[in-house]
Amino acid sequence: MSTRFTAADGTALAYDDMGAADTGRPPVLLVHGHPFNRTMWQPQATALVAAGYRVVLPDLRGYGDSGVVPGRTLFEEFADDLAGLMDHLGIARAVVGGVSMGGQITMEFHRVYPERVAALVLADTSPVAETEDGKAFRNRLADRLLAEGMDGYADEVIDKMLAPYNVTGLPDVAARVLRMMRTTAPEGAAAALRGRAERPDYRDSLAGAGVPVLVAVGADDVYTPVAEARALHGLIPRAELVVVEKAGHLPSLERPDAFNEALLGFLASAG
């Protein structure tokens, strides 16, 4: 069921809440990346609900059907929104996962609300704080999106979001990813980029993680290569690493069957 709740600052935030509410297992909350929306997790939601899990898919503020908040959205604000959504749904603890920026927001949620995390899923993401060059790049890109809109950016990055061979080989997936990027509000995307530039380093908090963690990465990801995923995996005491073959930055969409197999196996072993 798709619905909305109102965040503490009055922003309307959209989400889907699927599956049985009382399964005896922690619900699974999945956070989309930039510049996408909650529908990117539909292949995983379908598989998880079929396996008996409750699944919550939020649209981050500024994205999808949620309210657009211009300016700058810090990652702590995104994490507070997730906590507020869990409160709204009566969820004390959840398996929290995300891809790319969504993975970093997941790390922020773990940093701020560790007691609310039953396990973590970190896909194609990096725990390292932004460099000075990276901060400048994020802010320039935010300026560009506000000035030009999303279309040109979407066309430029599609063969980095997906492995180039999947852009041509999986045209329906490429069209879906392009559609999500093109329909994202520039103001929301820009606000998130400015907040992303200010994110902290998550390596210390992850090194102290007391919960199981799945680190997943596409074998041909150019944004967060396999070597970075291995380094992330090496930081975390109870981590499992899965490299998804024939995939780039979005293996959950490029190779959903392989990604879902890894996710379901991890959840079964995590208890």
Protein backbone atom coordinates (compact mmCIF):
# COMPACT_ATOMS: atom_id res chain seq x y z
CA MET A 1 0.00 0.00 0.00
CA SER A 2 1.44 3.36 -1.07
CA THR A 3 0.79 6.19 1.36
CA ARG A 4 2.36 9.22 3.04
CA PHE A 5 3.29 10.40 6.47
CA THR A 6 4.31 13.84 7.66
CA ALA A 7 7.87 14.34 8.88
CA ALA A 8 8.68 16.44 11.93
CA ASP A 9 9.21 19.55 9.79
CA GLY A 10 5.92 19.10 7.93
CA THR A 11 7.33 17.52 4.78
CA ALA A 12 5.09 14.85 3.25
CA LEU A 13 7.05 11.63 2.69
CA ALA A 14 5.76 8.79 0.51
CA TYR A 15 6.37 5.11 1.17
CA ASP A 16 5.16 1.60 0.39
CA ASP A 17 4.51 -0.86 3.23
CA MET A 18 4.15 -4.40 1.90
CA GLY A 19 3.85 -7.89 3.30
CA ALA A 20 2.59 -9.17 6.62
CA ALA A 21 3.12 -6.79 9.54
CA ASP A 22 3.81 -9.54 12.09
CA THR A 23 6.19 -12.12 10.63
CA GLY A 24 8.36 -12.70 13.68
CA ARG A 25 11.32 -11.27 11.74
CA PRO A 26 12.54 -7.69 11.48
CA PRO A 27 11.02 -5.75 8.56
CA VAL A 28 13.31 -4.81 5.69
CA LEU A 29 13.60 -1.09 4.92
CA LEU A 30 15.36 -0.26 1.62
CA VAL A 31 16.66 3.20 0.71
CA HIS A 32 16.98 4.24 -2.93
CA GLY A 33 19.97 6.03 -4.43
CA HIS A 34 20.36 9.32 -6.29
CA PRO A 35 18.56 10.37 -8.42
CA PHE A 36 15.99 7.59 -8.17
CA ASN A 37 12.92 6.69 -6.13
CA ARG A 38 11.46 3.81 -4.17
CA THR A 39 10.31 1.94 -7.30
CA MET A 40 13.91 0.90 -7.98
CA TRP A 41 13.51 -1.71 -5.21
CA GLN A 42 10.40 -3.34 -6.68
CA PRO A 43 12.21 -6.53 -7.80
CA GLN A 44 13.54 -6.99 -4.27
CA ALA A 45 10.22 -6.13 -2.62
CA THR A 46 8.42 -8.73 -4.71
CA ALA A 47 10.92 -11.44 -3.78
CA LEU A 48 11.03 -10.49 -0.10
CA VAL A 49 7.25 -10.37 0.32
CA ALA A 50 6.97 -13.75 -1.41
CA ALA A 51 9.48 -15.09 1.12
CA GLY A 52 7.38 -13.79 4.02
CA TYR A 53 9.10 -10.51 4.87
CA ARG A 54 7.53 -7.14 5.58
CA VAL A 55 9.12 -4.55 3.29
CA VAL A 56 9.10 -0.76 3.63
CA LEU A 57 10.22 1.39 0.69
CA PRO A 58 10.42 5.14 1.35
CA ASP A 59 10.87 7.95 -1.11
CA LEU A 60 13.52 10.22 0.36
CA ARG A 61 12.53 13.85 0.77
CA GLY A 62 13.05 15.59 -2.55
CA TYR A 63 12.57 12.39 -4.56
CA GLY A 64 9.70 10.40 -6.06
CA ASP A 65 6.33 11.22 -4.56
CA SER A 66 7.75 12.88 -1.44
CA GLY A 67 7.74 16.61 -0.89
CA VAL A 68 10.49 18.64 -2.50
CA VAL A 69 12.66 20.57 -0.05
CA PRO A 70 15.07 23.03 -1.71
CA GLY A 71 18.38 24.21 -0.29
CA ARG A 72 20.43 21.50 1.43
CA THR A 73 19.33 18.22 2.98
CA LEU A 74 21.90 16.79 5.38
CA PHE A 75 22.17 13.03 5.72
CA GLU A 76 21.14 13.28 9.37
CA GLU A 77 17.83 14.73 8.19
CA PHE A 78 17.32 11.74 5.90
CA ALA A 79 18.14 9.41 8.81
CA ASP A 80 15.68 11.24 11.06
CA ASP A 81 13.01 10.80 8.38
CA LEU A 82 13.63 7.05 8.35
CA ALA A 83 13.39 6.90 12.15
CA GLY A 84 10.18 8.92 12.00
CA LEU A 85 8.74 6.55 9.41
CA MET A 86 9.62 3.55 11.59
CA ASP A 87 7.92 5.24 14.55
CA HIS A 88 4.87 5.93 12.39
CA LEU A 89 4.70 2.25 11.41
CA GLY A 90 5.39 0.94 14.92
CA ILE A 91 8.72 -0.63 13.89
CA ALA A 92 11.35 -0.74 16.64
CA ARG A 93 14.15 -2.41 14.63
CA ALA A 94 14.62 -3.19 10.96
CA VAL A 95 17.07 -4.56 8.48
CA VAL A 96 18.10 -1.32 6.76
CA GLY A 97 19.70 -1.31 3.35
CA GLY A 98 20.55 1.08 0.57
CA VAL A 99 22.39 1.50 -2.69
CA SER A 100 24.96 4.20 -3.49
CA MET A 101 23.78 7.42 -1.75
CA GLY A 102 21.06 5.31 -0.16
CA GLY A 103 23.80 3.12 1.25
CA GLN A 104 25.49 6.16 2.75
CA ILE A 105 22.18 7.28 4.26
CA THR A 106 21.87 3.74 5.67
CA MET A 107 25.33 4.16 7.24
CA GLU A 108 24.21 7.49 8.68
CA PHE A 109 21.10 5.84 10.11
CA HIS A 110 23.31 3.19 11.73
CA ARG A 111 25.62 5.89 13.11
CA VAL A 112 22.76 7.84 14.69
CA TYR A 113 20.30 5.04 15.52
CA PRO A 114 22.37 1.85 15.98
CA GLU A 115 19.82 0.35 18.37
CA ARG A 116 17.20 0.39 15.61
CA VAL A 117 19.28 -1.67 13.16
CA ALA A 118 18.89 -5.45 13.06
CA ALA A 119 21.21 -5.85 10.07
CA LEU A 120 22.63 -3.72 7.26
CA VAL A 121 22.67 -4.11 3.48
CA LEU A 122 25.23 -1.85 1.79
CA ALA A 123 25.18 -2.01 -2.00
CA ASP A 124 27.60 -0.20 -4.31
CA THR A 125 28.47 2.44 -1.76
CA SER A 126 31.41 4.02 0.06
CA PRO A 127 31.86 4.88 3.76
CA VAL A 128 34.55 7.51 3.13
CA ALA A 129 33.82 11.20 3.73
CA GLU A 130 33.83 13.50 0.73
CA THR A 131 37.15 15.00 -0.36
CA GLU A 132 37.47 18.74 -0.96
CA ASP A 133 37.41 18.09 -4.71
CA GLY A 134 34.37 15.89 -4.21
CA LYS A 135 32.59 18.61 -2.25
CA ALA A 136 33.22 21.08 -5.06
CA PHE A 137 31.97 18.57 -7.62
CA ARG A 138 28.74 17.86 -5.71
CA ASN A 139 27.99 21.56 -5.36
CA ARG A 140 28.76 22.29 -9.02
CA LEU A 141 26.49 19.45 -10.05
CA ALA A 142 23.74 20.79 -7.79
CA ASP A 143 24.07 24.18 -9.49
CA ARG A 144 23.93 22.54 -12.89
CA LEU A 145 20.80 20.50 -12.14
CA LEU A 146 19.03 23.63 -10.93
CA ALA A 147 20.04 25.52 -14.06
CA GLU A 148 19.55 22.80 -16.68
CA GLY A 149 17.23 20.17 -15.24
CA MET A 150 17.83 16.43 -15.16
CA ASP A 151 17.77 15.32 -18.81
CA GLY A 152 21.35 16.07 -19.83
CA TYR A 153 22.75 14.62 -16.61
CA ALA A 154 20.68 11.45 -17.01
CA ASP A 155 21.96 10.91 -20.55
CA GLU A 156 25.57 11.42 -19.42
CA VAL A 157 25.54 8.96 -16.54
CA ILE A 158 23.32 6.13 -17.76
CA ASP A 159 26.32 4.06 -18.90
CA LYS A 160 27.88 4.48 -15.46
CA MET A 161 24.73 3.74 -13.50
CA LEU A 162 24.39 0.55 -15.54
CA ALA A 163 27.25 -1.37 -17.10
CA PRO A 164 27.45 -0.16 -20.73
CA TYR A 165 26.61 -3.63 -22.05
CA ASN A 166 23.43 -3.58 -19.97
CA VAL A 167 22.34 -0.20 -21.36
CA THR A 168 22.09 -1.89 -24.75
CA GLY A 169 21.41 -5.46 -23.61
CA LEU A 170 18.68 -4.59 -21.08
CA PRO A 171 16.79 -1.75 -22.82
CA ASP A 172 13.77 -1.99 -20.51
CA VAL A 173 16.00 -1.59 -17.45
CA ALA A 174 17.86 1.32 -19.06
CA ALA A 175 14.56 3.01 -19.91
CA ARG A 176 13.36 2.56 -16.33
CA VAL A 177 16.53 4.05 -14.86
CA LEU A 178 16.45 6.98 -17.29
CA ARG A 179 12.81 7.63 -16.47
CA MET A 180 13.53 7.74 -12.73
CA MET A 181 16.42 10.15 -13.25
CA ARG A 182 14.56 12.44 -15.65
CA THR A 183 11.48 12.71 -13.44
CA THR A 184 13.37 13.56 -10.25
CA ALA A 185 12.84 17.14 -9.10
CA PRO A 186 16.08 19.12 -9.67
CA GLU A 187 15.55 21.03 -6.41
CA GLY A 188 15.37 17.83 -4.38
CA ALA A 189 18.35 16.26 -6.12
CA ALA A 190 20.42 19.41 -5.67
CA ALA A 191 19.56 19.63 -1.96
CA ALA A 192 20.67 16.03 -1.45
CA LEU A 193 23.91 16.60 -3.38
CA ARG A 194 24.76 19.57 -1.15
CA GLY A 195 24.07 17.46 1.94
CA ARG A 196 26.03 14.54 0.52
CA ALA A 197 29.05 16.81 0.19
CA GLU A 198 28.99 17.33 3.97
CA ARG A 199 28.58 13.70 5.04
CA PRO A 200 30.86 12.35 7.77
CA ASP A 201 33.17 9.36 7.51
CA TYR A 202 31.43 6.13 8.50
CA ARG A 203 34.40 3.81 8.85
CA ASP A 204 34.66 4.05 12.63
CA SER A 205 30.97 3.44 13.27
CA LEU A 206 30.94 0.50 10.84
CA ALA A 207 34.03 -1.00 12.46
CA GLY A 208 32.03 -1.12 15.68
CA ALA A 209 28.90 -2.57 14.10
CA GLY A 210 27.48 -5.39 16.17
CA VAL A 211 25.01 -6.62 13.55
CA PRO A 212 25.37 -8.72 10.39
CA VAL A 213 26.18 -6.71 7.26
CA LEU A 214 25.84 -7.63 3.60
CA VAL A 215 28.19 -5.74 1.27
CA ALA A 216 27.13 -6.16 -2.37
CA VAL A 217 28.66 -4.69 -5.52
CA GLY A 218 28.35 -5.05 -9.25
CA ALA A 219 31.46 -6.61 -10.79
CA ASP A 220 31.74 -3.75 -13.28
CA ASP A 221 30.73 -0.83 -11.05
CA VAL A 222 32.82 2.23 -12.02
CA TYR A 223 31.52 4.51 -9.26
CA THR A 224 32.33 2.15 -6.37
CA PRO A 225 34.59 -0.55 -7.80
CA VAL A 226 34.95 -4.02 -6.33
CA ALA A 227 38.19 -3.00 -4.61
CA GLU A 228 36.27 -0.40 -2.60
CA ALA A 229 33.63 -2.95 -1.67
CA ARG A 230 36.36 -5.30 -0.47
CA ALA A 231 37.81 -2.51 1.67
CA LEU A 232 34.35 -1.80 3.13
CA HIS A 233 33.86 -5.50 3.81
CA GLY A 234 37.22 -5.63 5.57
CA LEU A 235 36.19 -2.90 8.01
CA ILE A 236 33.17 -4.68 9.43
CA PRO A 237 33.36 -7.55 11.94
CA ARG A 238 30.30 -9.54 10.78
CA ALA A 239 30.26 -8.76 7.07
CA GLU A 240 29.57 -10.86 4.01
CA LEU A 241 30.70 -9.75 0.53
CA VAL A 242 28.82 -10.60 -2.67
CA VAL A 243 30.09 -9.55 -6.11
CA VAL A 244 27.27 -9.63 -8.66
CA GLU A 245 28.59 -10.58 -12.07
CA LYS A 246 27.49 -8.84 -15.29
CA ALA A 247 26.35 -5.73 -13.41
CA GLY A 248 27.47 -2.15 -12.86
CA HIS A 249 26.37 0.33 -10.18
CA LEU A 250 22.79 -0.97 -9.87
CA PRO A 251 23.00 -4.78 -9.62
CA SER A 252 19.59 -4.95 -7.94
CA LEU A 253 18.09 -3.84 -11.26
CA GLU A 254 20.66 -5.24 -13.69
CA ARG A 255 20.76 -8.74 -12.20
CA PRO A 256 17.80 -8.89 -9.81
CA ASP A 257 17.71 -12.68 -9.56
CA ALA A 258 21.35 -12.88 -8.44
CA PHE A 259 20.95 -9.91 -6.10
CA ASN A 260 17.77 -11.35 -4.58
CA GLU A 261 19.41 -14.73 -4.04
CA ALA A 262 22.25 -13.07 -2.14
CA LEU A 263 19.85 -10.88 -0.15
CA LEU A 264 17.53 -13.72 0.85
CA GLY A 265 20.46 -15.94 1.76
CA PHE A 266 21.92 -13.20 3.92
CA LEU A 267 18.62 -12.54 5.71
CA ALA A 268 18.16 -16.25 6.40
CA SER A 269 21.62 -16.51 7.93
CA ALA A 270 21.23 -13.23 9.84
CA GLY A 271 18.23 -14.68 11.67
